[in-house]
Amino acid sequence: MSLRRPVTPTLSPCDETSEYPRIAPPERRELERRMRTRAGRAEDARRARLMLMLAAGRPYSEICPELGCSSVYVARWKERFQKDRLAGLDSRHVGRKALYAALDTLRGD
């Protein structure tokens, strides 16, 4: 009789058997637009391309070298997309307040 608890399998970021995201046609059009645009940030285009590659059923082992990213990066953005859809792909870092705007506030302008 074994006293060890049964091991519950967990999905690692590299587990390629995890579910691929399903993308609705309007979402696909928006992701393709984000990928093509020259006015947007390169990182937004990269995340859009990532989601389209995942939806096409491409494994992490193909995606990571092509995008130059880690499996953790892929898993993070996949999870955010599945949770919040397109809004989940937006950057969550708002950045630093503009220096001149801060100085104007201090001067009372």
Protein backbone atom coordinates (compact mmCIF):
# COMPACT_ATOMS: atom_id res chain seq x y z
CA MET A 1 0.00 0.00 0.00
CA SER A 2 1.44 3.32 -1.06
CA LEU A 3 1.16 6.40 1.13
CA ARG A 4 1.95 8.75 -1.72
CA ARG A 5 -0.78 10.89 -3.16
CA PRO A 6 -1.57 10.43 -6.84
CA VAL A 7 0.14 12.98 -9.04
CA THR A 8 -2.26 15.33 -10.78
CA PRO A 9 -1.02 16.18 -14.26
CA THR A 10 -0.48 19.88 -14.79
CA LEU A 11 -0.02 21.71 -18.05
CA SER A 12 3.33 23.36 -18.45
CA PRO A 13 3.71 26.38 -20.72
CA CYS A 14 5.27 24.02 -23.26
CA ASP A 15 2.40 21.53 -23.22
CA GLU A 16 1.21 21.44 -26.79
CA THR A 17 -1.90 19.43 -25.98
CA SER A 18 -3.56 22.41 -24.31
CA GLU A 19 -6.53 23.90 -26.09
CA TYR A 20 -5.90 26.28 -28.96
CA PRO A 21 -7.86 29.54 -28.89
CA ARG A 22 -10.93 29.79 -31.08
CA ILE A 23 -11.15 33.09 -32.89
CA ALA A 24 -14.42 34.56 -34.18
CA PRO A 25 -14.37 36.09 -37.71
CA PRO A 26 -14.53 39.71 -36.43
CA GLU A 27 -11.64 38.98 -34.03
CA ARG A 28 -9.65 37.40 -36.86
CA ARG A 29 -10.14 40.50 -39.02
CA GLU A 30 -8.99 42.74 -36.17
CA LEU A 31 -5.92 40.57 -35.46
CA GLU A 32 -5.01 40.60 -39.17
CA ARG A 33 -5.42 44.39 -39.20
CA ARG A 34 -3.14 44.72 -36.16
CA MET A 35 -0.58 42.53 -37.86
CA ARG A 36 -0.53 44.62 -41.05
CA THR A 37 -0.66 48.13 -39.63
CA ARG A 38 2.47 50.27 -39.74
CA ALA A 39 1.03 52.87 -37.37
CA GLY A 40 0.73 50.55 -34.37
CA ARG A 41 3.36 49.20 -32.03
CA ALA A 42 5.45 46.24 -33.20
CA GLU A 43 4.62 44.37 -30.00
CA ASP A 44 0.87 44.61 -30.77
CA ALA A 45 1.51 43.08 -34.20
CA ARG A 46 3.61 40.33 -32.61
CA ARG A 47 0.82 39.39 -30.19
CA ALA A 48 -1.75 39.42 -33.00
CA ARG A 49 0.46 37.14 -35.09
CA LEU A 50 0.91 34.86 -32.08
CA MET A 51 -2.85 34.44 -31.63
CA LEU A 52 -3.36 33.69 -35.32
CA MET A 53 -0.59 31.09 -35.22
CA LEU A 54 -2.11 29.43 -32.16
CA ALA A 55 -5.57 29.43 -33.73
CA ALA A 56 -4.09 27.73 -36.79
CA GLY A 57 -2.95 24.91 -34.50
CA ARG A 58 0.77 25.64 -34.70
CA PRO A 59 2.73 24.14 -31.79
CA TYR A 60 4.80 26.18 -29.37
CA SER A 61 7.93 24.53 -30.78
CA GLU A 62 7.29 26.26 -34.13
CA ILE A 63 5.97 29.56 -32.78
CA CYS A 64 8.76 30.35 -30.31
CA PRO A 65 11.67 30.33 -32.79
CA GLU A 66 9.65 32.13 -35.46
CA LEU A 67 8.60 34.96 -33.13
CA GLY A 68 11.79 34.92 -31.08
CA CYS A 69 9.97 34.41 -27.81
CA SER A 70 9.75 31.92 -24.96
CA SER A 71 7.01 29.39 -24.26
CA VAL A 72 6.16 31.41 -21.13
CA TYR A 73 5.46 34.45 -23.35
CA VAL A 74 3.18 32.34 -25.58
CA ALA A 75 1.33 30.85 -22.61
CA ARG A 76 0.88 34.27 -20.93
CA TRP A 77 -0.65 35.98 -23.96
CA LYS A 78 -2.73 32.93 -24.86
CA GLU A 79 -4.21 32.93 -21.35
CA ARG A 80 -4.92 36.67 -21.47
CA PHE A 81 -6.60 36.33 -24.86
CA GLN A 82 -8.76 33.43 -23.69
CA LYS A 83 -9.80 35.41 -20.61
CA ASP A 84 -10.37 38.90 -22.06
CA ARG A 85 -10.35 38.28 -25.84
CA LEU A 86 -8.91 41.23 -27.86
CA ALA A 87 -8.81 43.51 -24.82
CA GLY A 88 -6.48 41.01 -23.16
CA LEU A 89 -3.83 41.66 -25.82
CA ASP A 90 -3.52 45.32 -24.91
CA SER A 91 -0.44 46.25 -22.93
CA ARG A 92 -1.09 46.67 -19.22
CA HIS A 93 1.85 48.97 -18.63
CA VAL A 94 0.73 52.58 -18.76
CA GLY A 95 4.24 53.96 -18.55
CA ARG A 96 5.67 56.99 -16.90
CA LYS A 97 3.91 60.34 -16.91
CA ALA A 98 5.37 62.80 -19.42
CA LEU A 99 8.12 64.91 -17.88
CA TYR A 100 6.88 68.25 -19.19
CA ALA A 101 3.31 67.61 -18.13
CA ALA A 102 4.58 66.86 -14.62
CA LEU A 103 6.62 70.08 -14.58
CA ASP A 104 3.59 72.10 -15.77
CA THR A 105 1.56 70.61 -12.92
CA LEU A 106 4.22 71.59 -10.40
CA ARG A 107 4.34 75.16 -11.73
CA GLY A 108 0.57 75.39 -11.71
CA ASP A 109 0.16 75.89 -15.46
